[in-house]
Protein backbone atom coordinates (compact mmCIF):
# COMPACT_ATOMS: atom_id res chain seq x y z
CA MET A 1 -0.23 -26.60 13.13
CA ASN A 2 0.30 -23.55 10.87
CA THR A 3 3.73 -21.93 11.42
CA GLN A 4 3.58 -19.79 8.23
CA ILE A 5 5.06 -16.24 8.91
CA PRO A 6 2.43 -13.41 8.42
CA LYS A 7 2.72 -11.35 5.47
CA ARG A 8 3.91 -7.79 6.07
CA LEU A 9 1.80 -4.74 4.79
CA LEU A 10 2.70 -1.42 5.00
CA ILE A 11 0.05 1.47 4.58
CA ILE A 12 1.19 4.82 3.65
CA ASP A 13 -1.74 7.39 4.09
CA ASP A 14 -1.88 10.74 5.72
CA ASP A 15 -5.36 9.71 7.22
CA GLU A 16 -4.54 8.37 10.79
CA ASP A 17 -8.31 7.16 11.20
CA LEU A 18 -7.89 5.04 7.84
CA GLN A 19 -4.38 3.67 9.16
CA GLU A 20 -5.89 2.62 12.52
CA LEU A 21 -8.94 1.06 10.71
CA PHE A 22 -6.71 -0.67 8.06
CA ARG A 23 -4.48 -1.87 10.87
CA ARG A 24 -6.95 -3.47 13.18
CA PHE A 25 -8.89 -4.98 10.28
CA MET A 26 -5.79 -6.61 8.41
CA GLU A 27 -4.19 -7.71 11.76
CA LYS A 28 -7.46 -9.68 12.51
CA GLU A 29 -6.92 -11.22 9.05
CA GLY A 30 -3.43 -12.39 10.14
CA PHE A 31 -1.25 -9.84 8.48
CA ASN A 32 1.59 -7.97 10.26
CA VAL A 33 0.93 -4.18 9.47
CA ALA A 34 3.07 -1.09 9.45
CA ALA A 35 2.13 2.42 8.64
CA ALA A 36 3.39 5.71 7.74
CA GLY A 37 1.63 9.00 7.41
CA ASP A 38 3.41 10.52 4.32
CA GLY A 39 5.71 9.29 1.62
CA LEU A 40 9.05 10.33 3.27
CA LEU A 41 8.24 8.15 6.47
CA GLY A 42 6.71 5.60 4.12
CA LEU A 43 10.05 5.18 2.33
CA ALA A 44 11.94 4.97 5.57
CA LYS A 45 9.41 2.50 6.93
CA ALA A 46 9.48 0.42 3.60
CA HIS A 47 13.32 -0.08 3.80
CA ALA A 48 13.07 -1.10 7.82
CA PHE A 49 10.13 -3.32 7.90
CA ASN A 50 10.54 -4.89 4.19
CA PRO A 51 6.78 -5.23 3.57
CA ASP A 52 5.38 -8.02 1.19
CA LEU A 53 2.83 -5.39 -0.20
CA ILE A 54 2.31 -1.61 0.10
CA VAL A 55 -1.15 0.24 0.20
CA LEU A 56 -0.35 3.79 -0.93
CA ASP A 57 -2.38 6.91 -0.88
CA LEU A 58 -1.68 9.37 -3.59
CA MET A 59 -2.51 12.89 -2.13
CA MET A 60 -0.29 13.12 0.91
CA PRO A 61 1.87 16.09 2.30
CA ASN A 62 5.73 16.19 2.20
CA LEU A 63 5.92 13.37 -0.60
CA ASN A 64 2.77 12.47 -2.56
CA GLY A 65 1.97 8.96 -3.91
CA PHE A 66 3.27 9.42 -7.45
CA ASP A 67 6.86 10.62 -6.15
CA THR A 68 6.89 7.85 -3.65
CA LEU A 69 6.11 5.33 -6.23
CA HIS A 70 9.10 6.56 -8.27
CA ARG A 71 11.38 6.67 -5.23
CA LEU A 72 10.56 3.10 -4.21
CA GLN A 73 11.76 2.15 -7.81
CA LYS A 74 14.91 4.24 -7.54
CA GLU A 75 15.76 2.90 -4.14
CA GLY A 76 15.70 -0.82 -5.06
CA LEU A 77 12.06 -1.34 -3.52
CA GLY A 78 10.34 -1.66 -7.06
CA ARG A 79 9.66 -5.34 -6.25
CA ILE A 80 7.15 -4.79 -3.78
CA PRO A 81 3.56 -4.64 -5.19
CA VAL A 82 1.57 -1.51 -4.54
CA ILE A 83 -2.13 -1.05 -4.22
CA VAL A 84 -2.79 2.53 -4.81
CA ILE A 85 -5.91 4.05 -2.99
CA THR A 86 -7.09 7.50 -3.32
CA GLY A 87 -10.22 9.82 -2.69
CA PHE A 88 -9.19 11.75 -5.83
CA SER A 89 -10.26 9.88 -9.12
CA GLU A 90 -9.67 11.02 -12.60
CA GLN A 91 -9.42 8.64 -15.32
CA ALA A 92 -6.16 10.13 -16.97
CA SER A 93 -4.26 9.81 -13.77
CA GLU A 94 -5.41 6.41 -12.97
CA GLN A 95 -4.21 5.08 -16.32
CA VAL A 96 -0.79 6.85 -15.89
CA ILE A 97 -0.46 5.19 -12.32
CA ARG A 98 -1.39 1.64 -13.55
CA GLN A 99 1.26 1.67 -16.05
CA GLU A 100 3.91 1.95 -13.17
CA PRO A 101 5.57 -1.26 -13.01
CA ASN A 102 4.99 -2.15 -9.14
CA VAL A 103 1.31 -1.06 -9.15
CA VAL A 104 -1.16 -4.16 -9.12
CA ASP A 105 -4.28 -2.33 -8.77
CA PHE A 106 -6.27 0.82 -7.95
CA LEU A 107 -8.88 1.46 -5.48
CA SER A 108 -11.02 4.58 -4.73
CA LYS A 109 -11.88 5.68 -1.36
CA PRO A 110 -14.13 4.94 0.69
CA ILE A 111 -12.42 1.38 0.74
CA LYS A 112 -14.29 -1.65 1.04
CA TYR A 113 -12.10 -3.88 3.43
CA GLY A 114 -13.54 -7.28 2.21
CA GLU A 115 -12.66 -6.26 -1.38
CA LEU A 116 -9.13 -4.93 -0.15
CA THR A 117 -8.31 -8.07 1.63
CA ALA A 118 -9.40 -10.13 -1.22
CA LEU A 119 -7.26 -8.25 -3.41
CA ILE A 120 -4.26 -8.29 -1.27
CA ARG A 121 -4.55 -12.19 -0.76
CA ARG A 122 -4.63 -12.62 -4.48
CA VAL A 123 -1.70 -10.55 -5.13
CA LEU A 124 0.25 -12.22 -2.37
CA ALA A 125 -0.85 -15.63 -3.54
CA ASP A 126 0.72 -14.81 -6.99
CA ARG A 127 4.22 -14.15 -5.47
């Protein structure tokens, strides 16, 4: 009997359809999932939910992904691995983001959920 506690994932993305797809897909994979529609809500959820991993969009209202990454680090949440997703892909930005200490990978939208699930499992297995 497997009594392992499900890993907690937090998605921070202003696309509500993507949030819902992510939630359904990842819950079927056995994860406990929370979502937030912008960086400010995401920071609050990160403190309350204590996720094992965050999937973070870069382009969001109120507090964008870059600023959210830095606030996570400043607010004592820099140990949480982050997978950055974006529909906006620019080589220089991607290289800067990858240098952030808590960023473990960078994926371009549209997201392939099989690829994302494999990446999440790999990251969490290393922790």
